Amino acid sequence: MQNASKQIRLLLRQINQMTFELLSREIAAFNITGPQFLVLRCLKDEPQRISDISRQLCLSNSTVSGIVDRLEENGYVRRVRDEKDRRVVWVFFSEKVKALCREVPALRDDYFDGIFAGVSEDEIKNIVNALQLLADRLKEKIKEKK
């Protein structure tokens, strides 16, 4: 069991590092950093508040605010105050990013389809099931620690 745990931990680290490397290479030409990319992914489906993005990425509000500042300077996002509650600021994709989504595969929902080209449906189901099992076990551990 200990050997399997170590192997899983190493594989997860490798997957994380390789995914980050692949994404970094794809977005480098567009002058977007890894953290900026992650914020843009959060905004892909709908506008969000800084606090929502912070929660999703497990980063502080000030860190996300700095990332959004740089994205705004480069014209990738815009901030808009809520009409009903002026204290609330929403972060939106700009038109520039909508065009960028068409050019940068990593920003599209079908990005991982290319990675799994040639992998059978059964193998994909096995991967999904194994990852779901791991996610469920981690959720249980988190609940135990509360």
N, C-alpha and C. Protein backbone atom coordinates (compact mmCIF):
# COMPACT_ATOMS: atom_id res chain seq x y z
N MET A 1 0.82 -1.21 0.00
CA MET A 1 0.00 0.00 0.00
C MET A 1 0.86 1.27 0.00
N GLN A 2 1.94 1.23 0.80
CA GLN A 2 2.80 2.40 0.87
C GLN A 2 3.45 2.69 -0.48
N ASN A 3 3.85 1.65 -1.18
CA ASN A 3 4.45 1.82 -2.50
C ASN A 3 3.43 2.40 -3.49
N ALA A 4 2.18 1.92 -3.42
CA ALA A 4 1.13 2.43 -4.30
C ALA A 4 0.85 3.90 -4.01
N SER A 5 0.81 4.26 -2.73
CA SER A 5 0.59 5.66 -2.35
C SER A 5 1.69 6.56 -2.90
N LYS A 6 2.92 6.09 -2.77
CA LYS A 6 4.05 6.86 -3.29
C LYS A 6 3.95 7.00 -4.81
N GLN A 7 3.61 5.92 -5.48
CA GLN A 7 3.49 5.94 -6.94
C GLN A 7 2.38 6.90 -7.38
N ILE A 8 1.25 6.87 -6.68
CA ILE A 8 0.14 7.78 -7.01
C ILE A 8 0.57 9.22 -6.81
N ARG A 9 1.23 9.50 -5.68
CA ARG A 9 1.69 10.86 -5.40
C ARG A 9 2.65 11.35 -6.48
N LEU A 10 3.58 10.49 -6.89
CA LEU A 10 4.53 10.86 -7.94
C LEU A 10 3.83 11.09 -9.28
N LEU A 11 2.89 10.23 -9.61
CA LEU A 11 2.15 10.39 -10.87
C LEU A 11 1.35 11.68 -10.88
N LEU A 12 0.70 12.00 -9.76
CA LEU A 12 -0.07 13.24 -9.70
C LEU A 12 0.85 14.45 -9.86
N ARG A 13 2.02 14.40 -9.24
CA ARG A 13 2.97 15.50 -9.37
C ARG A 13 3.44 15.63 -10.82
N GLN A 14 3.76 14.49 -11.46
CA GLN A 14 4.19 14.50 -12.86
C GLN A 14 3.10 15.05 -13.77
N ILE A 15 1.88 14.60 -13.57
CA ILE A 15 0.76 15.07 -14.39
C ILE A 15 0.59 16.57 -14.23
N ASN A 16 0.65 17.04 -12.98
CA ASN A 16 0.51 18.47 -12.72
C ASN A 16 1.62 19.26 -13.40
N GLN A 17 2.86 18.80 -13.27
CA GLN A 17 4.00 19.50 -13.87
C GLN A 17 3.92 19.50 -15.40
N MET A 18 3.58 18.35 -15.97
CA MET A 18 3.52 18.26 -17.44
C MET A 18 2.37 19.09 -18.00
N THR A 19 1.24 19.09 -17.30
CA THR A 19 0.11 19.90 -17.74
C THR A 19 0.49 21.37 -17.71
N PHE A 20 1.12 21.80 -16.62
CA PHE A 20 1.54 23.19 -16.50
C PHE A 20 2.54 23.55 -17.59
N GLU A 21 3.49 22.65 -17.87
CA GLU A 21 4.49 22.89 -18.92
C GLU A 21 3.83 23.03 -20.29
N LEU A 22 2.91 22.14 -20.60
CA LEU A 22 2.21 22.17 -21.88
C LEU A 22 1.40 23.46 -22.03
N LEU A 23 0.67 23.81 -20.98
CA LEU A 23 -0.13 25.04 -21.03
C LEU A 23 0.76 26.27 -21.13
N SER A 24 1.85 26.28 -20.38
CA SER A 24 2.77 27.43 -20.41
C SER A 24 3.32 27.65 -21.81
N ARG A 25 3.66 26.58 -22.49
CA ARG A 25 4.18 26.70 -23.86
C ARG A 25 3.12 27.27 -24.80
N GLU A 26 1.88 26.84 -24.61
CA GLU A 26 0.81 27.30 -25.51
C GLU A 26 0.45 28.76 -25.29
N ILE A 27 0.51 29.21 -24.05
CA ILE A 27 0.07 30.58 -23.77
C ILE A 27 1.21 31.60 -23.84
N ALA A 28 2.45 31.14 -23.85
CA ALA A 28 3.61 32.05 -23.84
C ALA A 28 3.58 33.03 -25.01
N ALA A 29 3.16 32.58 -26.16
CA ALA A 29 3.14 33.44 -27.34
C ALA A 29 2.14 34.58 -27.20
N PHE A 30 1.20 34.45 -26.26
CA PHE A 30 0.17 35.47 -26.08
C PHE A 30 0.44 36.35 -24.87
N ASN A 31 1.66 36.23 -24.31
CA ASN A 31 2.07 37.05 -23.18
C ASN A 31 1.12 36.90 -21.98
N ILE A 32 0.74 35.66 -21.71
CA ILE A 32 -0.12 35.34 -20.57
C ILE A 32 0.67 34.40 -19.66
N THR A 33 0.67 34.70 -18.36
CA THR A 33 1.36 33.83 -17.40
C THR A 33 0.43 32.69 -16.98
N GLY A 34 1.00 31.70 -16.31
CA GLY A 34 0.20 30.58 -15.81
C GLY A 34 -0.92 31.04 -14.89
N PRO A 35 -0.63 31.86 -13.88
CA PRO A 35 -1.70 32.34 -13.00
C PRO A 35 -2.77 33.16 -13.75
N GLN A 36 -2.35 33.96 -14.72
CA GLN A 36 -3.33 34.71 -15.52
C GLN A 36 -4.23 33.75 -16.30
N PHE A 37 -3.62 32.70 -16.83
CA PHE A 37 -4.39 31.69 -17.56
C PHE A 37 -5.45 31.08 -16.64
N LEU A 38 -5.07 30.74 -15.41
CA LEU A 38 -6.01 30.12 -14.48
C LEU A 38 -7.18 31.05 -14.17
N VAL A 39 -6.90 32.34 -14.02
CA VAL A 39 -7.98 33.31 -13.78
C VAL A 39 -8.90 33.38 -15.00
N LEU A 40 -8.32 33.41 -16.19
CA LEU A 40 -9.14 33.45 -17.41
C LEU A 40 -10.02 32.21 -17.51
N ARG A 41 -9.49 31.05 -17.13
CA ARG A 41 -10.30 29.82 -17.15
C ARG A 41 -11.50 29.95 -16.21
N CYS A 42 -11.29 30.57 -15.06
CA CYS A 42 -12.39 30.76 -14.11
C CYS A 42 -13.49 31.64 -14.69
N LEU A 43 -13.09 32.59 -15.53
CA LEU A 43 -14.05 33.54 -16.10
C LEU A 43 -14.70 33.03 -17.38
N LYS A 44 -14.28 31.88 -17.85
CA LYS A 44 -14.70 31.39 -19.15
C LYS A 44 -16.21 31.31 -19.32
N ASP A 45 -16.90 30.81 -18.30
CA ASP A 45 -18.33 30.59 -18.43
C ASP A 45 -19.19 31.78 -18.02
N GLU A 46 -18.67 32.58 -17.09
CA GLU A 46 -19.46 33.73 -16.63
C GLU A 46 -18.58 34.70 -15.85
N PRO A 47 -19.01 35.96 -15.76
CA PRO A 47 -18.28 36.94 -14.96
C PRO A 47 -18.28 36.50 -13.50
N GLN A 48 -17.24 36.89 -12.77
CA GLN A 48 -17.15 36.52 -11.37
C GLN A 48 -16.55 37.66 -10.56
N ARG A 49 -16.75 37.56 -9.25
CA ARG A 49 -16.12 38.51 -8.33
C ARG A 49 -14.73 38.00 -7.99
N ILE A 50 -13.87 38.89 -7.54
CA ILE A 50 -12.52 38.52 -7.13
C ILE A 50 -12.58 37.41 -6.08
N SER A 51 -13.49 37.55 -5.12
CA SER A 51 -13.58 36.55 -4.04
C SER A 51 -13.96 35.17 -4.58
N ASP A 52 -14.80 35.12 -5.62
CA ASP A 52 -15.18 33.84 -6.22
C ASP A 52 -13.97 33.18 -6.88
N ILE A 53 -13.22 33.98 -7.61
CA ILE A 53 -12.02 33.47 -8.29
C ILE A 53 -11.01 32.99 -7.25
N SER A 54 -10.83 33.78 -6.19
CA SER A 54 -9.89 33.43 -5.12
C SER A 54 -10.23 32.08 -4.51
N ARG A 55 -11.50 31.88 -4.25
CA ARG A 55 -11.96 30.62 -3.65
C ARG A 55 -11.68 29.44 -4.58
N GLN A 56 -11.97 29.61 -5.86
CA GLN A 56 -11.76 28.53 -6.83
C GLN A 56 -10.29 28.15 -6.97
N LEU A 57 -9.41 29.15 -6.92
CA LEU A 57 -7.99 28.91 -7.13
C LEU A 57 -7.20 28.74 -5.83
N CYS A 58 -7.90 28.88 -4.69
CA CYS A 58 -7.23 28.79 -3.38
C CYS A 58 -6.10 29.81 -3.27
N LEU A 59 -6.39 31.02 -3.70
CA LEU A 59 -5.43 32.13 -3.61
C LEU A 59 -6.08 33.26 -2.82
N SER A 60 -5.28 34.15 -2.27
CA SER A 60 -5.83 35.29 -1.53
C SER A 60 -6.48 36.28 -2.50
N ASN A 61 -7.41 37.08 -1.96
CA ASN A 61 -8.06 38.11 -2.77
C ASN A 61 -7.04 39.09 -3.34
N SER A 62 -6.03 39.45 -2.52
CA SER A 62 -5.04 40.42 -3.00
C SER A 62 -4.21 39.85 -4.14
N THR A 63 -3.89 38.55 -4.08
CA THR A 63 -3.14 37.91 -5.17
C THR A 63 -3.95 37.92 -6.45
N VAL A 64 -5.21 37.52 -6.35
CA VAL A 64 -6.08 37.48 -7.53
C VAL A 64 -6.31 38.89 -8.06
N SER A 65 -6.46 39.84 -7.17
CA SER A 65 -6.66 41.23 -7.60
C SER A 65 -5.46 41.72 -8.41
N GLY A 66 -4.25 41.37 -7.98
CA GLY A 66 -3.04 41.74 -8.72
C GLY A 66 -3.00 41.09 -10.10
N ILE A 67 -3.40 39.84 -10.16
CA ILE A 67 -3.44 39.13 -11.46
C ILE A 67 -4.46 39.79 -12.37
N VAL A 68 -5.63 40.12 -11.82
CA VAL A 68 -6.68 40.77 -12.61
C VAL A 68 -6.21 42.16 -13.06
N ASP A 69 -5.47 42.87 -12.20
CA ASP A 69 -4.91 44.18 -12.59
C ASP A 69 -4.10 44.05 -13.87
N ARG A 70 -3.20 43.05 -13.90
CA ARG A 70 -2.33 42.87 -15.08
C ARG A 70 -3.14 42.43 -16.30
N LEU A 71 -4.14 41.59 -16.10
CA LEU A 71 -4.99 41.17 -17.22
C LEU A 71 -5.77 42.37 -17.77
N GLU A 72 -6.21 43.24 -16.86
CA GLU A 72 -6.94 44.43 -17.28
C GLU A 72 -6.02 45.39 -18.04
N GLU A 73 -4.79 45.56 -17.57
CA GLU A 73 -3.82 46.42 -18.26
C GLU A 73 -3.56 45.94 -19.68
N ASN A 74 -3.59 44.62 -19.87
CA ASN A 74 -3.35 44.04 -21.20
C ASN A 74 -4.62 43.91 -22.03
N GLY A 75 -5.74 44.37 -21.48
CA GLY A 75 -6.99 44.37 -22.23
C GLY A 75 -7.71 43.04 -22.30
N TYR A 76 -7.35 42.10 -21.40
CA TYR A 76 -7.98 40.78 -21.43
C TYR A 76 -9.26 40.69 -20.61
N VAL A 77 -9.37 41.54 -19.58
CA VAL A 77 -10.58 41.55 -18.75
C VAL A 77 -10.98 42.99 -18.48
N ARG A 78 -12.19 43.14 -17.98
CA ARG A 78 -12.64 44.46 -17.54
C ARG A 78 -13.42 44.29 -16.25
N ARG A 79 -13.33 45.30 -15.40
CA ARG A 79 -14.07 45.29 -14.14
C ARG A 79 -15.31 46.16 -14.30
N VAL A 80 -16.42 45.68 -13.75
CA VAL A 80 -17.68 46.43 -13.82
C VAL A 80 -18.34 46.39 -12.44
N ARG A 81 -18.71 47.57 -11.93
CA ARG A 81 -19.41 47.63 -10.64
C ARG A 81 -20.84 47.15 -10.82
N ASP A 82 -21.32 46.41 -9.82
CA ASP A 82 -22.70 45.93 -9.82
C ASP A 82 -23.64 47.13 -9.70
N GLU A 83 -24.68 47.14 -10.50
CA GLU A 83 -25.61 48.28 -10.49
C GLU A 83 -26.42 48.36 -9.20
N LYS A 84 -26.71 47.21 -8.59
CA LYS A 84 -27.53 47.20 -7.38
C LYS A 84 -26.70 47.39 -6.11
N ASP A 85 -25.50 46.87 -6.11
CA ASP A 85 -24.62 46.98 -4.95
C ASP A 85 -23.26 47.46 -5.44
N ARG A 86 -23.00 48.75 -5.30
CA ARG A 86 -21.80 49.36 -5.85
C ARG A 86 -20.50 48.85 -5.20
N ARG A 87 -20.63 48.14 -4.07
CA ARG A 87 -19.44 47.57 -3.43
C ARG A 87 -18.93 46.35 -4.19
N VAL A 88 -19.82 45.72 -4.96
CA VAL A 88 -19.48 44.49 -5.69
C VAL A 88 -18.90 44.85 -7.06
N VAL A 89 -17.76 44.23 -7.38
CA VAL A 89 -17.12 44.44 -8.68
C VAL A 89 -17.05 43.10 -9.39
N TRP A 90 -17.58 43.07 -10.61
CA TRP A 90 -17.56 41.86 -11.43
C TRP A 90 -16.40 41.94 -12.41
N VAL A 91 -15.78 40.80 -12.68
CA VAL A 91 -14.69 40.73 -13.65
C VAL A 91 -15.23 39.98 -14.87
N PHE A 92 -15.12 40.61 -16.03
CA PHE A 92 -15.64 40.07 -17.29
C PHE A 92 -14.50 39.81 -18.27
N PHE A 93 -14.71 38.84 -19.15
CA PHE A 93 -13.85 38.67 -20.32
C PHE A 93 -13.98 39.90 -21.20
N SER A 94 -12.92 40.33 -21.84
CA SER A 94 -13.03 41.39 -22.85
C SER A 94 -13.22 40.72 -24.22
N GLU A 95 -13.52 41.52 -25.21
CA GLU A 95 -13.65 40.98 -26.57
C GLU A 95 -12.33 40.38 -27.04
N LYS A 96 -11.22 40.97 -26.56
CA LYS A 96 -9.89 40.48 -26.93
C LYS A 96 -9.71 39.02 -26.50
N VAL A 97 -10.22 38.67 -25.32
CA VAL A 97 -10.09 37.29 -24.83
C VAL A 97 -11.01 36.35 -25.58
N LYS A 98 -12.18 36.83 -25.96
CA LYS A 98 -13.08 35.97 -26.73
C LYS A 98 -12.40 35.54 -28.03
N ALA A 99 -11.68 36.46 -28.65
CA ALA A 99 -10.93 36.12 -29.86
C ALA A 99 -9.76 35.20 -29.52
N LEU A 100 -9.13 35.47 -28.39
CA LEU A 100 -8.01 34.65 -27.94
C LEU A 100 -8.44 33.19 -27.71
N CYS A 101 -9.64 33.00 -27.21
CA CYS A 101 -10.15 31.64 -26.96
C CYS A 101 -10.18 30.81 -28.24
N ARG A 102 -10.41 31.47 -29.34
CA ARG A 102 -10.42 30.74 -30.62
C ARG A 102 -9.01 30.36 -31.05
N GLU A 103 -8.02 31.13 -30.62
CA GLU A 103 -6.63 30.90 -31.03
C GLU A 103 -5.85 29.99 -30.08
N VAL A 104 -6.19 30.00 -28.80
CA VAL A 104 -5.44 29.25 -27.80
C VAL A 104 -6.22 27.99 -27.42
N PRO A 105 -5.78 26.84 -27.88
CA PRO A 105 -6.50 25.59 -27.58
C PRO A 105 -6.71 25.37 -26.08
N ALA A 106 -5.74 25.79 -25.26
CA ALA A 106 -5.83 25.55 -23.82
C ALA A 106 -7.01 26.28 -23.17
N LEU A 107 -7.53 27.31 -23.82
CA LEU A 107 -8.68 28.04 -23.27
C LEU A 107 -10.01 27.43 -23.70
N ARG A 108 -9.97 26.46 -24.58
CA ARG A 108 -11.22 25.84 -25.05
C ARG A 108 -11.58 24.64 -24.19
N ASP A 109 -12.88 24.36 -24.12
CA ASP A 109 -13.36 23.24 -23.32
C ASP A 109 -12.89 21.90 -23.85
N ASP A 110 -12.63 21.81 -25.14
CA ASP A 110 -12.23 20.53 -25.73
C ASP A 110 -10.71 20.32 -25.74
N TYR A 111 -9.99 21.09 -24.94
CA TYR A 111 -8.53 21.05 -24.94
C TYR A 111 -7.98 19.64 -24.72
N PHE A 112 -8.51 18.93 -23.74
CA PHE A 112 -7.96 17.62 -23.41
C PHE A 112 -8.37 16.54 -24.40
N ASP A 113 -9.29 16.83 -25.28
CA ASP A 113 -9.68 15.83 -26.29
C ASP A 113 -8.47 15.38 -27.10
N GLY A 114 -7.62 16.31 -27.47
CA GLY A 114 -6.43 15.98 -28.25
C GLY A 114 -5.45 15.10 -27.49
N ILE A 115 -5.37 15.30 -26.19
CA ILE A 115 -4.48 14.50 -25.37
C ILE A 115 -4.96 13.05 -25.33
N PHE A 116 -6.27 12.87 -25.35
CA PHE A 116 -6.84 11.52 -25.26
C PHE A 116 -7.16 10.90 -26.61
N ALA A 117 -6.71 11.54 -27.68
CA ALA A 117 -6.91 10.95 -29.01
C ALA A 117 -6.20 9.60 -29.05
N GLY A 118 -6.89 8.59 -29.53
CA GLY A 118 -6.31 7.25 -29.62
C GLY A 118 -6.48 6.41 -28.37
N VAL A 119 -7.04 6.99 -27.32
CA VAL A 119 -7.30 6.24 -26.09
C VAL A 119 -8.73 5.72 -26.17
N SER A 120 -8.91 4.45 -25.86
CA SER A 120 -10.24 3.84 -25.98
C SER A 120 -11.21 4.41 -24.94
N GLU A 121 -12.50 4.27 -25.22
CA GLU A 121 -13.52 4.74 -24.28
C GLU A 121 -13.39 4.04 -22.94
N ASP A 122 -13.10 2.74 -22.98
CA ASP A 122 -12.95 1.98 -21.73
C ASP A 122 -11.78 2.52 -20.90
N GLU A 123 -10.67 2.83 -21.57
CA GLU A 123 -9.52 3.38 -20.86
C GLU A 123 -9.85 4.74 -20.25
N ILE A 124 -10.57 5.55 -21.00
CA ILE A 124 -10.97 6.86 -20.49
C ILE A 124 -11.90 6.69 -19.29
N LYS A 125 -12.84 5.76 -19.38
CA LYS A 125 -13.74 5.50 -18.24
C LYS A 125 -12.94 5.05 -17.02
N ASN A 126 -11.93 4.22 -17.23
CA ASN A 126 -11.09 3.77 -16.12
C ASN A 126 -10.35 4.93 -15.48
N ILE A 127 -9.84 5.84 -16.31
CA ILE A 127 -9.14 7.02 -15.78
C ILE A 127 -10.10 7.87 -14.97
N VAL A 128 -11.28 8.12 -15.53
CA VAL A 128 -12.29 8.94 -14.85
C VAL A 128 -12.69 8.29 -13.53
N ASN A 129 -12.94 6.99 -13.55
CA ASN A 129 -13.34 6.28 -12.32
C ASN A 129 -12.25 6.34 -11.26
N ALA A 130 -11.01 6.15 -11.67
CA ALA A 130 -9.90 6.19 -10.71
C ALA A 130 -9.74 7.59 -10.12
N LEU A 131 -9.85 8.60 -10.96
CA LEU A 131 -9.74 9.98 -10.46
C LEU A 131 -10.91 10.34 -9.56
N GLN A 132 -12.10 9.86 -9.90
CA GLN A 132 -13.28 10.12 -9.07
C GLN A 132 -13.12 9.46 -7.70
N LEU A 133 -12.60 8.24 -7.69
CA LEU A 133 -12.35 7.54 -6.43
C LEU A 133 -11.37 8.33 -5.57
N LEU A 134 -10.31 8.82 -6.17
CA LEU A 134 -9.32 9.62 -5.45
C LEU A 134 -9.96 10.90 -4.91
N ALA A 135 -10.74 11.58 -5.74
CA ALA A 135 -11.41 12.81 -5.31
C ALA A 135 -12.36 12.53 -4.15
N ASP A 136 -13.10 11.45 -4.23
CA ASP A 136 -14.04 11.08 -3.15
C ASP A 136 -13.30 10.80 -1.85
N ARG A 137 -12.19 10.08 -1.94
CA ARG A 137 -11.40 9.76 -0.74
C ARG A 137 -10.83 11.04 -0.11
N LEU A 138 -10.37 11.94 -0.96
CA LEU A 138 -9.83 13.21 -0.45
C LEU A 138 -10.92 14.03 0.23
N LYS A 139 -12.12 14.05 -0.35
CA LYS A 139 -13.25 14.76 0.27
C LYS A 139 -13.56 14.18 1.64
N GLU A 140 -13.54 12.84 1.75
CA GLU A 140 -13.78 12.19 3.04
C GLU A 140 -12.73 12.60 4.06
N LYS A 141 -11.48 12.63 3.65
CA LYS A 141 -10.39 13.03 4.56
C LYS A 141 -10.56 14.47 5.02
N ILE A 142 -10.97 15.33 4.11
CA ILE A 142 -11.19 16.74 4.46
C ILE A 142 -12.30 16.84 5.50
N LYS A 143 -13.38 16.10 5.31
CA LYS A 143 -14.50 16.11 6.28
C LYS A 143 -14.05 15.60 7.64
N GLU A 144 -13.20 14.57 7.65
CA GLU A 144 -12.69 14.02 8.91
C GLU A 144 -11.87 15.05 9.67
N LYS A 145 -11.17 15.90 8.96
CA LYS A 145 -10.26 16.86 9.59
C LYS A 145 -10.97 18.11 10.11
N LYS A 146 -12.26 18.25 9.80
CA LYS A 146 -12.99 19.44 10.25
C LYS A 146 -13.38 19.34 11.70
